[in-house]
Amino acid sequence: RAVAEQAKTNNQVVQKILTLYEEMKTEIQKVTHSQYSIKIMDALFASPIFHSNDFRKKAGLAPKTASSLLSLLKKAGIVQEQEPSRGRVPSLLAFERLVKLIGDNDFN
């Protein structure tokens, strides 16, 4: 029974993640007006807590493009800055809606 219950819980979390992904397709395109919106989403869902330079690499974007898109995402509240950049250390950002969704569920 415990395994079945955990599988049910995990399935519900997966469904919530898929729903969030679908919602974000529209929202990110609306905010960024970018041809890279799917790459942006894939990077955010792959690593919801990330350094700005890691985002650029995961999304396969040029530095200026990544910087301007992250700025738009921050202004829209889609990503939140956790730690500002310091010298050569890039800023730490989070896609908190996904972090919270995953964190609200016990996978153990």
PDB file of N, CA and C in Angstrom:
ATOM      1  N   ARG A   1       0.819  -1.199   0.000  1.00  0.00           N
ATOM      2  CA  ARG A   1       0.000   0.000   0.000  1.00  0.00           C
ATOM      3  C   ARG A   1       0.857   1.255   0.000  1.00  0.00           C
ATOM      4  N   ALA A   2       1.947   1.234   0.746  1.00  0.00           N
ATOM      5  CA  ALA A   2       2.808   2.419   0.835  1.00  0.00           C
ATOM      6  C   ALA A   2       3.399   2.768  -0.531  1.00  0.00           C
ATOM      7  N   VAL A   3       3.818   1.758  -1.273  1.00  0.00           N
ATOM      8  CA  VAL A   3       4.388   1.981  -2.606  1.00  0.00           C
ATOM      9  C   VAL A   3       3.320   2.555  -3.540  1.00  0.00           C
ATOM     10  N   ALA A   4       2.130   2.010  -3.481  1.00  0.00           N
ATOM     11  CA  ALA A   4       1.037   2.498  -4.326  1.00  0.00           C
ATOM     12  C   ALA A   4       0.685   3.945  -3.981  1.00  0.00           C
ATOM     13  N   GLU A   5       0.660   4.253  -2.702  1.00  0.00           N
ATOM     14  CA  GLU A   5       0.350   5.628  -2.263  1.00  0.00           C
ATOM     15  C   GLU A   5       1.428   6.600  -2.716  1.00  0.00           C
ATOM     16  N   GLN A   6       2.685   6.186  -2.600  1.00  0.00           N
ATOM     17  CA  GLN A   6       3.778   7.051  -3.035  1.00  0.00           C
ATOM     18  C   GLN A   6       3.735   7.260  -4.552  1.00  0.00           C
ATOM     19  N   ALA A   7       3.421   6.216  -5.287  1.00  0.00           N
ATOM     20  CA  ALA A   7       3.306   6.323  -6.748  1.00  0.00           C
ATOM     21  C   ALA A   7       2.186   7.289  -7.124  1.00  0.00           C
ATOM     22  N   LYS A   8       1.095   7.236  -6.399  1.00  0.00           N
ATOM     23  CA  LYS A   8      -0.034   8.149  -6.652  1.00  0.00           C
ATOM     24  C   LYS A   8       0.402   9.589  -6.398  1.00  0.00           C
ATOM     25  N   THR A   9       1.103   9.816  -5.293  1.00  0.00           N
ATOM     26  CA  THR A   9       1.596  11.153  -4.958  1.00  0.00           C
ATOM     27  C   THR A   9       2.565  11.652  -6.030  1.00  0.00           C
ATOM     28  N   ASN A  10       3.482  10.792  -6.436  1.00  0.00           N
ATOM     29  CA  ASN A  10       4.454  11.172  -7.463  1.00  0.00           C
ATOM     30  C   ASN A  10       3.761  11.515  -8.773  1.00  0.00           C
ATOM     31  N   ASN A  11       2.737  10.744  -9.133  1.00  0.00           N
ATOM     32  CA  ASN A  11       1.980  11.011 -10.347  1.00  0.00           C
ATOM     33  C   ASN A  11       1.297  12.381 -10.275  1.00  0.00           C
ATOM     34  N   GLN A  12       0.753  12.717  -9.118  1.00  0.00           N
ATOM     35  CA  GLN A  12       0.107  14.016  -8.946  1.00  0.00           C
ATOM     36  C   GLN A  12       1.115  15.155  -9.115  1.00  0.00           C
ATOM     37  N   VAL A  13       2.324  14.986  -8.598  1.00  0.00           N
ATOM     38  CA  VAL A  13       3.370  15.997  -8.731  1.00  0.00           C
ATOM     39  C   VAL A  13       3.763  16.146 -10.199  1.00  0.00           C
ATOM     40  N   VAL A  14       3.914  15.040 -10.877  1.00  0.00           N
ATOM     41  CA  VAL A  14       4.257  15.087 -12.301  1.00  0.00           C
ATOM     42  C   VAL A  14       3.175  15.835 -13.082  1.00  0.00           C
ATOM     43  N   GLN A  15       1.928  15.582 -12.769  1.00  0.00           N
ATOM     44  CA  GLN A  15       0.840  16.282 -13.447  1.00  0.00           C
ATOM     45  C   GLN A  15       0.893  17.791 -13.177  1.00  0.00           C
ATOM     46  N   LYS A  16       1.223  18.169 -11.951  1.00  0.00           N
ATOM     47  CA  LYS A  16       1.351  19.593 -11.618  1.00  0.00           C
ATOM     48  C   LYS A  16       2.515  20.226 -12.377  1.00  0.00           C
ATOM     49  N   ILE A  17       3.603  19.490 -12.510  1.00  0.00           N
ATOM     50  CA  ILE A  17       4.760  20.012 -13.254  1.00  0.00           C
ATOM     51  C   ILE A  17       4.392  20.187 -14.728  1.00  0.00           C
ATOM     52  N   LEU A  18       3.696  19.221 -15.304  1.00  0.00           N
ATOM     53  CA  LEU A  18       3.274  19.331 -16.700  1.00  0.00           C
ATOM     54  C   LEU A  18       2.316  20.502 -16.902  1.00  0.00           C
ATOM     55  N   THR A  19       1.426  20.711 -15.956  1.00  0.00           N
ATOM     56  CA  THR A  19       0.505  21.847 -16.028  1.00  0.00           C
ATOM     57  C   THR A  19       1.275  23.159 -15.964  1.00  0.00           C
ATOM     58  N   LEU A  20       2.241  23.244 -15.055  1.00  0.00           N
ATOM     59  CA  LEU A  20       3.068  24.443 -14.948  1.00  0.00           C
ATOM     60  C   LEU A  20       3.825  24.674 -16.251  1.00  0.00           C
ATOM     61  N   TYR A  21       4.361  23.623 -16.837  1.00  0.00           N
ATOM     62  CA  TYR A  21       5.095  23.739 -18.098  1.00  0.00           C
ATOM     63  C   TYR A  21       4.191  24.333 -19.181  1.00  0.00           C
ATOM     64  N   GLU A  22       2.979  23.842 -19.277  1.00  0.00           N
ATOM     65  CA  GLU A  22       2.031  24.354 -20.278  1.00  0.00           C
ATOM     66  C   GLU A  22       1.695  25.823 -20.019  1.00  0.00           C
ATOM     67  N   GLU A  23       1.481  26.179 -18.759  1.00  0.00           N
ATOM     68  CA  GLU A  23       1.194  27.581 -18.410  1.00  0.00           C
ATOM     69  C   GLU A  23       2.371  28.484 -18.781  1.00  0.00           C
ATOM     70  N   MET A  24       3.575  27.991 -18.511  1.00  0.00           N
ATOM     71  CA  MET A  24       4.762  28.809 -18.739  1.00  0.00           C
ATOM     72  C   MET A  24       5.051  28.999 -20.224  1.00  0.00           C
ATOM     73  N   LYS A  25       4.622  28.061 -21.072  1.00  0.00           N
ATOM     74  CA  LYS A  25       4.807  28.230 -22.520  1.00  0.00           C
ATOM     75  C   LYS A  25       4.239  29.561 -22.966  1.00  0.00           C
ATOM     76  N   THR A  26       3.014  29.820 -22.569  1.00  0.00           N
ATOM     77  CA  THR A  26       2.336  31.054 -22.948  1.00  0.00           C
ATOM     78  C   THR A  26       2.950  32.253 -22.240  1.00  0.00           C
ATOM     79  N   GLU A  27       3.175  32.128 -20.951  1.00  0.00           N
ATOM     80  CA  GLU A  27       3.667  33.253 -20.161  1.00  0.00           C
ATOM     81  C   GLU A  27       5.062  33.703 -20.606  1.00  0.00           C
ATOM     82  N   ILE A  28       5.969  32.779 -20.811  1.00  0.00           N
ATOM     83  CA  ILE A  28       7.332  33.149 -21.200  1.00  0.00           C
ATOM     84  C   ILE A  28       7.340  33.759 -22.596  1.00  0.00           C
ATOM     85  N   GLN A  29       6.558  33.220 -23.496  1.00  0.00           N
ATOM     86  CA  GLN A  29       6.482  33.800 -24.842  1.00  0.00           C
ATOM     87  C   GLN A  29       5.919  35.222 -24.772  1.00  0.00           C
ATOM     88  N   LYS A  30       4.905  35.409 -23.949  1.00  0.00           N
ATOM     89  CA  LYS A  30       4.275  36.721 -23.797  1.00  0.00           C
ATOM     90  C   LYS A  30       5.253  37.742 -23.201  1.00  0.00           C
ATOM     91  N   VAL A  31       6.035  37.324 -22.232  1.00  0.00           N
ATOM     92  CA  VAL A  31       6.977  38.218 -21.556  1.00  0.00           C
ATOM     93  C   VAL A  31       8.192  38.530 -22.414  1.00  0.00           C
ATOM     94  N   THR A  32       8.732  37.510 -23.075  1.00  0.00           N
ATOM     95  CA  THR A  32       9.998  37.694 -23.786  1.00  0.00           C
ATOM     96  C   THR A  32       9.843  38.011 -25.273  1.00  0.00           C
ATOM     97  N   HIS A  33       8.739  37.588 -25.858  1.00  0.00           N
ATOM     98  CA  HIS A  33       8.554  37.719 -27.319  1.00  0.00           C
ATOM     99  C   HIS A  33       9.772  37.150 -28.043  1.00  0.00           C
ATOM    100  N   SER A  34      10.267  36.042 -27.549  1.00  0.00           N
ATOM    101  CA  SER A  34      11.526  35.489 -28.038  1.00  0.00           C
ATOM    102  C   SER A  34      11.322  34.184 -28.796  1.00  0.00           C
ATOM    103  N   GLN A  35      12.140  34.016 -29.814  1.00  0.00           N
ATOM    104  CA  GLN A  35      12.162  32.752 -30.543  1.00  0.00           C
ATOM    105  C   GLN A  35      12.778  31.640 -29.705  1.00  0.00           C
ATOM    106  N   TYR A  36      13.393  32.032 -28.593  1.00  0.00           N
ATOM    107  CA  TYR A  36      14.072  31.070 -27.721  1.00  0.00           C
ATOM    108  C   TYR A  36      13.222  30.631 -26.527  1.00  0.00           C
ATOM    109  N   SER A  37      11.937  30.904 -26.562  1.00  0.00           N
ATOM    110  CA  SER A  37      11.111  30.632 -25.382  1.00  0.00           C
ATOM    111  C   SER A  37      11.142  29.163 -24.951  1.00  0.00           C
ATOM    112  N   ILE A  38      11.163  28.228 -25.882  1.00  0.00           N
ATOM    113  CA  ILE A  38      11.216  26.808 -25.506  1.00  0.00           C
ATOM    114  C   ILE A  38      12.571  26.483 -24.886  1.00  0.00           C
ATOM    115  N   LYS A  39      13.650  27.026 -25.428  1.00  0.00           N
ATOM    116  CA  LYS A  39      14.976  26.818 -24.839  1.00  0.00           C
ATOM    117  C   LYS A  39      15.026  27.389 -23.425  1.00  0.00           C
ATOM    118  N   ILE A  40      14.401  28.546 -23.222  1.00  0.00           N
ATOM    119  CA  ILE A  40      14.345  29.176 -21.900  1.00  0.00           C
ATOM    120  C   ILE A  40      13.623  28.244 -20.930  1.00  0.00           C
ATOM    121  N   MET A  41      12.459  27.767 -21.355  1.00  0.00           N
ATOM    122  CA  MET A  41      11.670  26.893 -20.483  1.00  0.00           C
ATOM    123  C   MET A  41      12.421  25.612 -20.155  1.00  0.00           C
ATOM    124  N   ASP A  42      13.027  25.023 -21.157  1.00  0.00           N
ATOM    125  CA  ASP A  42      13.761  23.779 -20.913  1.00  0.00           C
ATOM    126  C   ASP A  42      14.892  23.996 -19.911  1.00  0.00           C
ATOM    127  N   ALA A  43      15.581  25.126 -20.013  1.00  0.00           N
ATOM    128  CA  ALA A  43      16.659  25.435 -19.070  1.00  0.00           C
ATOM    129  C   ALA A  43      16.101  25.635 -17.661  1.00  0.00           C
ATOM    130  N   LEU A  44      14.980  26.344 -17.545  1.00  0.00           N
ATOM    131  CA  LEU A  44      14.377  26.587 -16.229  1.00  0.00           C
ATOM    132  C   LEU A  44      13.881  25.292 -15.582  1.00  0.00           C
ATOM    133  N   PHE A  45      13.271  24.422 -16.373  1.00  0.00           N
ATOM    134  CA  PHE A  45      12.742  23.171 -15.822  1.00  0.00           C
ATOM    135  C   PHE A  45      13.858  22.165 -15.547  1.00  0.00           C
ATOM    136  N   ALA A  46      14.961  22.246 -16.281  1.00  0.00           N
ATOM    137  CA  ALA A  46      16.085  21.339 -16.041  1.00  0.00           C
ATOM    138  C   ALA A  46      16.817  21.703 -14.761  1.00  0.00           C
ATOM    139  N   SER A  47      16.950  23.001 -14.498  1.00  0.00           N
ATOM    140  CA  SER A  47      17.663  23.491 -13.305  1.00  0.00           C
ATOM    141  C   SER A  47      16.922  24.702 -12.758  1.00  0.00           C
ATOM    142  N   PRO A  48      15.949  24.489 -11.880  1.00  0.00           N
ATOM    143  CA  PRO A  48      15.159  25.617 -11.385  1.00  0.00           C
ATOM    144  C   PRO A  48      15.919  26.564 -10.444  1.00  0.00           C
ATOM    145  N   ILE A  49      17.071  26.137  -9.949  1.00  0.00           N
ATOM    146  CA  ILE A  49      17.961  27.021  -9.185  1.00  0.00           C
ATOM    147  C   ILE A  49      19.275  27.022  -9.953  1.00  0.00           C
ATOM    148  N   PHE A  50      19.727  28.199 -10.364  1.00  0.00           N
ATOM    149  CA  PHE A  50      20.842  28.250 -11.297  1.00  0.00           C
ATOM    150  C   PHE A  50      21.615  29.566 -11.204  1.00  0.00           C
ATOM    151  N   HIS A  51      22.864  29.498 -11.638  1.00  0.00           N
ATOM    152  CA  HIS A  51      23.654  30.712 -11.829  1.00  0.00           C
ATOM    153  C   HIS A  51      23.365  31.226 -13.232  1.00  0.00           C
ATOM    154  N   SER A  52      23.418  32.531 -13.406  1.00  0.00           N
ATOM    155  CA  SER A  52      23.067  33.126 -14.689  1.00  0.00           C
ATOM    156  C   SER A  52      23.896  32.564 -15.840  1.00  0.00           C
ATOM    157  N   ASN A  53      25.172  32.295 -15.619  1.00  0.00           N
ATOM    158  CA  ASN A  53      25.996  31.757 -16.709  1.00  0.00           C
ATOM    159  C   ASN A  53      25.615  30.313 -17.046  1.00  0.00           C
ATOM    160  N   ASP A  54      25.138  29.549 -16.059  1.00  0.00           N
ATOM    161  CA  ASP A  54      24.674  28.182 -16.326  1.00  0.00           C
ATOM    162  C   ASP A  54      23.401  28.199 -17.170  1.00  0.00           C
ATOM    163  N   PHE A  55      22.536  29.168 -16.892  1.00  0.00           N
ATOM    164  CA  PHE A  55      21.317  29.324 -17.683  1.00  0.00           C
ATOM    165  C   PHE A  55      21.679  29.567 -19.145  1.00  0.00           C
ATOM    166  N   ARG A  56      22.616  30.458 -19.366  1.00  0.00           N
ATOM    167  CA  ARG A  56      23.048  30.789 -20.728  1.00  0.00           C
ATOM    168  C   ARG A  56      23.529  29.532 -21.446  1.00  0.00           C
ATOM    169  N   LYS A  57      24.343  28.747 -20.763  1.00  0.00           N
ATOM    170  CA  LYS A  57      24.882  27.526 -21.371  1.00  0.00           C
ATOM    171  C   LYS A  57      23.788  26.503 -21.643  1.00  0.00           C
ATOM    172  N   LYS A  58      22.901  26.263 -20.666  1.00  0.00           N
ATOM    173  CA  LYS A  58      21.836  25.268 -20.832  1.00  0.00           C
ATOM    174  C   LYS A  58      20.882  25.658 -21.957  1.00  0.00           C
ATOM    175  N   ALA A  59      20.593  26.961 -22.061  1.00  0.00           N
ATOM    176  CA  ALA A  59      19.666  27.431 -23.089  1.00  0.00           C
ATOM    177  C   ALA A  59      20.362  27.606 -24.442  1.00  0.00           C
ATOM    178  N   GLY A  60      21.692  27.576 -24.448  1.00  0.00           N
ATOM    179  CA  GLY A  60      22.432  27.736 -25.691  1.00  0.00           C
ATOM    180  C   GLY A  60      22.324  29.133 -26.266  1.00  0.00           C
ATOM    181  N   LEU A  61      22.381  30.134 -25.387  1.00  0.00           N
ATOM    182  CA  LEU A  61      22.202  31.526 -25.807  1.00  0.00           C
ATOM    183  C   LEU A  61      23.504  32.310 -25.719  1.00  0.00           C
ATOM    184  N   ALA A  62      23.585  33.338 -26.518  1.00  0.00           N
ATOM    185  CA  ALA A  62      24.706  34.269 -26.440  1.00  0.00           C
ATOM    186  C   ALA A  62      24.596  35.031 -25.117  1.00  0.00           C
ATOM    187  N   PRO A  63      25.720  35.464 -24.547  1.00  0.00           N
ATOM    188  CA  PRO A  63      25.685  36.156 -23.254  1.00  0.00           C
ATOM    189  C   PRO A  63      24.734  37.353 -23.204  1.00  0.00           C
ATOM    190  N   LYS A  64      24.768  38.225 -24.201  1.00  0.00           N
ATOM    191  CA  LYS A  64      23.877  39.399 -24.188  1.00  0.00           C
ATOM    192  C   LYS A  64      22.416  38.991 -24.271  1.00  0.00           C
ATOM    193  N   THR A  65      22.127  38.017 -25.103  1.00  0.00           N
ATOM    194  CA  THR A  65      20.749  37.539 -25.248  1.00  0.00           C
ATOM    195  C   THR A  65      20.253  36.950 -23.934  1.00  0.00           C
ATOM    196  N   ALA A  66      21.065  36.096 -23.326  1.00  0.00           N
ATOM    197  CA  ALA A  66      20.683  35.477 -22.054  1.00  0.00           C
ATOM    198  C   ALA A  66      20.463  36.535 -20.982  1.00  0.00           C
ATOM    199  N   SER A  67      21.340  37.517 -20.932  1.00  0.00           N
ATOM    200  CA  SER A  67      21.223  38.573 -19.927  1.00  0.00           C
ATOM    201  C   SER A  67      19.933  39.369 -20.099  1.00  0.00           C
ATOM    202  N   SER A  68      19.618  39.737 -21.322  1.00  0.00           N
ATOM    203  CA  SER A  68      18.396  40.523 -21.533  1.00  0.00           C
ATOM    204  C   SER A  68      17.145  39.690 -21.263  1.00  0.00           C
ATOM    205  N   LEU A  69      17.174  38.407 -21.633  1.00  0.00           N
ATOM    206  CA  LEU A  69      16.019  37.552 -21.359  1.00  0.00           C
ATOM    207  C   LEU A  69      15.843  37.311 -19.866  1.00  0.00           C
ATOM    208  N   LEU A  70      16.936  37.095 -19.145  1.00  0.00           N
ATOM    209  CA  LEU A  70      16.838  36.931 -17.685  1.00  0.00           C
ATOM    210  C   LEU A  70      16.297  38.193 -17.035  1.00  0.00           C
ATOM    211  N   SER A  71      16.695  39.330 -17.539  1.00  0.00           N
ATOM    212  CA  SER A  71      16.185  40.595 -17.010  1.00  0.00           C
ATOM    213  C   SER A  71      14.666  40.673 -17.176  1.00  0.00           C
ATOM    214  N   LEU A  72      14.182  40.288 -18.340  1.00  0.00           N
ATOM    215  CA  LEU A  72      12.728  40.286 -18.582  1.00  0.00           C
ATOM    216  C   LEU A  72      12.023  39.291 -17.659  1.00  0.00           C
ATOM    217  N   LEU A  73      12.625  38.129 -17.479  1.00  0.00           N
ATOM    218  CA  LEU A  73      12.019  37.112 -16.609  1.00  0.00           C
ATOM    219  C   LEU A  73      11.992  37.575 -15.153  1.00  0.00           C
ATOM    220  N   LYS A  74      13.032  38.280 -14.731  1.00  0.00           N
ATOM    221  CA  LYS A  74      13.055  38.809 -13.357  1.00  0.00           C
ATOM    222  C   LYS A  74      11.992  39.886 -13.189  1.00  0.00           C
ATOM    223  N   LYS A  75      11.898  40.793 -14.146  1.00  0.00           N
ATOM    224  CA  LYS A  75      10.893  41.869 -14.060  1.00  0.00           C
ATOM    225  C   LYS A  75       9.475  41.312 -14.007  1.00  0.00           C
ATOM    226  N   ALA A  76       9.247  40.218 -14.723  1.00  0.00           N
ATOM    227  CA  ALA A  76       7.922  39.597 -14.753  1.00  0.00           C
ATOM    228  C   ALA A  76       7.660  38.719 -13.528  1.00  0.00           C
ATOM    229  N   GLY A  77       8.682  38.508 -12.696  1.00  0.00           N
ATOM    230  CA  GLY A  77       8.516  37.676 -11.506  1.00  0.00           C
ATOM    231  C   GLY A  77       8.575  36.185 -11.781  1.00  0.00           C
ATOM    232  N   ILE A  78       9.010  35.803 -12.971  1.00  0.00           N
ATOM    233  CA  ILE A  78       9.103  34.380 -13.300  1.00  0.00           C
ATOM    234  C   ILE A  78      10.312  33.762 -12.609  1.00  0.00           C
ATOM    235  N   VAL A  79      11.423  34.482 -12.591  1.00  0.00           N
ATOM    236  CA  VAL A  79      12.595  34.047 -11.826  1.00  0.00           C
ATOM    237  C   VAL A  79      12.910  35.112 -10.783  1.00  0.00           C
ATOM    238  N   GLN A  80      13.488  34.679  -9.687  1.00  0.00           N
ATOM    239  CA  GLN A  80      13.824  35.587  -8.597  1.00  0.00           C
ATOM    240  C   GLN A  80      15.313  35.464  -8.287  1.00  0.00           C
ATOM    241  N   GLU A  81      15.920  36.601  -8.047  1.00  0.00           N
ATOM    242  CA  GLU A  81      17.340  36.601  -7.696  1.00  0.00           C
ATOM    243  C   GLU A  81      17.496  36.189  -6.242  1.00  0.00           C
ATOM    244  N   GLN A  82      18.290  35.152  -6.011  1.00  0.00           N
ATOM    245  CA  GLN A  82      18.544  34.666  -4.662  1.00  0.00           C
ATOM    246  C   GLN A  82      19.795  35.316  -4.080  1.00  0.00           C
ATOM    247  N   GLU A  83      20.806  35.490  -4.933  1.00  0.00           N
ATOM    248  CA  GLU A  83      22.053  36.144  -4.539  1.00  0.00           C
ATOM    249  C   GLU A  83      22.535  36.979  -5.717  1.00  0.00           C
ATOM    250  N   PRO A  84      22.853  38.252  -5.488  1.00  0.00           N
ATOM    251  CA  PRO A  84      23.353  39.086  -6.592  1.00  0.00           C
ATOM    252  C   PRO A  84      24.760  38.659  -7.005  1.00  0.00           C
ATOM    253  N   SER A  85      25.142  39.065  -8.199  1.00  0.00           N
ATOM    254  CA  SER A  85      26.499  38.749  -8.649  1.00  0.00           C
ATOM    255  C   SER A  85      27.498  39.520  -7.797  1.00  0.00           C
ATOM    256  N   ARG A  86      28.681  38.919  -7.639  1.00  0.00           N
ATOM    257  CA  ARG A  86      29.752  39.541  -6.858  1.00  0.00           C
ATOM    258  C   ARG A  86      31.048  39.334  -7.632  1.00  0.00           C
ATOM    259  N   GLY A  87      31.545  40.402  -8.214  1.00  0.00           N
ATOM    260  CA  GLY A  87      32.772  40.285  -8.973  1.00  0.00           C
ATOM    261  C   GLY A  87      32.614  39.292 -10.106  1.00  0.00           C
ATOM    262  N   ARG A  88      33.384  38.235 -10.064  1.00  0.00           N
ATOM    263  CA  ARG A  88      33.311  37.209 -11.110  1.00  0.00           C
ATOM    264  C   ARG A  88      32.274  36.129 -10.820  1.00  0.00           C
ATOM    265  N   VAL A  89      31.663  36.187  -9.663  1.00  0.00           N
ATOM    266  CA  VAL A  89      30.654  35.191  -9.301  1.00  0.00           C
ATOM    267  C   VAL A  89      29.297  35.651  -9.845  1.00  0.00           C
ATOM    268  N   PRO A  90      28.694  34.850 -10.727  1.00  0.00           N
ATOM    269  CA  PRO A  90      27.413  35.249 -11.308  1.00  0.00           C
ATOM    270  C   PRO A  90      26.279  35.183 -10.287  1.00  0.00           C
ATOM    271  N   SER A  91      25.198  35.868 -10.599  1.00  0.00           N
ATOM    272  CA  SER A  91      24.049  35.859  -9.701  1.00  0.00           C
ATOM    273  C   SER A  91      23.415  34.470  -9.648  1.00  0.00           C
ATOM    274  N   LEU A  92      22.790  34.189  -8.521  1.00  0.00           N
ATOM    275  CA  LEU A  92      22.064  32.937  -8.318  1.00  0.00           C
ATOM    276  C   LEU A  92      20.584  33.264  -8.421  1.00  0.00           C
ATOM    277  N   LEU A  93      19.891  32.534  -9.285  1.00  0.00           N
ATOM    278  CA  LEU A  93      18.477  32.797  -9.535  1.00  0.00           C
ATOM    279  C   LEU A  93      17.668  31.527  -9.284  1.00  0.00           C
ATOM    280  N   ALA A  94      16.356  31.703  -9.156  1.00  0.00           N
ATOM    281  CA  ALA A  94      15.487  30.545  -8.947  1.00  0.00           C
ATOM    282  C   ALA A  94      14.163  30.729  -9.675  1.00  0.00           C
ATOM    283  N   PHE A  95      13.688  29.654 -10.236  1.00  0.00           N
ATOM    284  CA  PHE A  95      12.348  29.565 -10.797  1.00  0.00           C
ATOM    285  C   PHE A  95      11.498  29.017  -9.654  1.00  0.00           C
ATOM    286  N   GLU A  96      11.080  29.925  -8.774  1.00  0.00           N
ATOM    287  CA  GLU A  96      10.494  29.537  -7.492  1.00  0.00           C
ATOM    288  C   GLU A  96       9.189  28.766  -7.602  1.00  0.00           C
ATOM    289  N   ARG A  97       8.416  28.992  -8.650  1.00  0.00           N
ATOM    290  CA  ARG A  97       7.160  28.244  -8.774  1.00  0.00           C
ATOM    291  C   ARG A  97       7.442  26.745  -8.873  1.00  0.00           C
ATOM    292  N   LEU A  98       8.462  26.373  -9.621  1.00  0.00           N
ATOM    293  CA  LEU A  98       8.806  24.957  -9.722  1.00  0.00           C
ATOM    294  C   LEU A  98       9.482  24.461  -8.450  1.00  0.00           C
ATOM    295  N   VAL A  99      10.365  25.259  -7.887  1.00  0.00           N
ATOM    296  CA  VAL A  99      11.045  24.866  -6.639  1.00  0.00           C
ATOM    297  C   VAL A  99      10.014  24.614  -5.550  1.00  0.00           C
ATOM    298  N   LYS A 100       9.048  25.503  -5.429  1.00  0.00           N
ATOM    299  CA  LYS A 100       8.012  25.355  -4.398  1.00  0.00           C
ATOM    300  C   LYS A 100       7.144  24.122  -4.663  1.00  0.00           C
ATOM    301  N   LEU A 101       6.789  23.922  -5.907  1.00  0.00           N
ATOM    302  CA  LEU A 101       5.957  22.773  -6.262  1.00  0.00           C
ATOM    303  C   LEU A 101       6.649  21.466  -5.887  1.00  0.00           C
ATOM    304  N   ILE A 102       7.924  21.370  -6.189  1.00  0.00           N
ATOM    305  CA  ILE A 102       8.679  20.162  -5.857  1.00  0.00           C
ATOM    306  C   ILE A 102       8.914  20.067  -4.353  1.00  0.00           C
ATOM    307  N   GLY A 103       9.238  21.202  -3.725  1.00  0.00           N
ATOM    308  CA  GLY A 103       9.527  21.222  -2.304  1.00  0.00           C
ATOM    309  C   GLY A 103       8.317  20.938  -1.419  1.00  0.00           C
ATOM    310  N   ASP A 104       7.120  21.208  -1.932  1.00  0.00           N
ATOM    311  CA  ASP A 104       5.899  20.967  -1.161  1.00  0.00           C
ATOM    312  C   ASP A 104       5.524  19.492  -1.085  1.00  0.00           C
ATOM    313  N   ASN A 105       6.261  18.677  -1.816  1.00  0.00           N
ATOM    314  CA  ASN A 105       5.925  17.251  -1.866  1.00  0.00           C
ATOM    315  C   ASN A 105       7.041  16.424  -1.265  1.00  0.00           C
ATOM    316  N   ASP A 106       6.654  15.420  -0.523  1.00  0.00           N
ATOM    317  CA  ASP A 106       7.628  14.542   0.103  1.00  0.00           C
ATOM    318  C   ASP A 106       7.841  13.333  -0.799  1.00  0.00           C
ATOM    319  N   PHE A 107       9.032  13.225  -1.363  1.00  0.00           N
ATOM    320  CA  PHE A 107       9.330  12.110  -2.267  1.00  0.00           C
ATOM    321  C   PHE A 107      10.022  10.959  -1.544  1.00  0.00           C
ATOM    322  N   ASN A 108      10.137  11.022  -0.250  1.00  0.00           N
ATOM    323  CA  ASN A 108      10.851   9.967   0.485  1.00  0.00           C
ATOM    324  C   ASN A 108       9.890   8.883   0.933  1.00  0.00           C
TER     325      ASN A 108
END
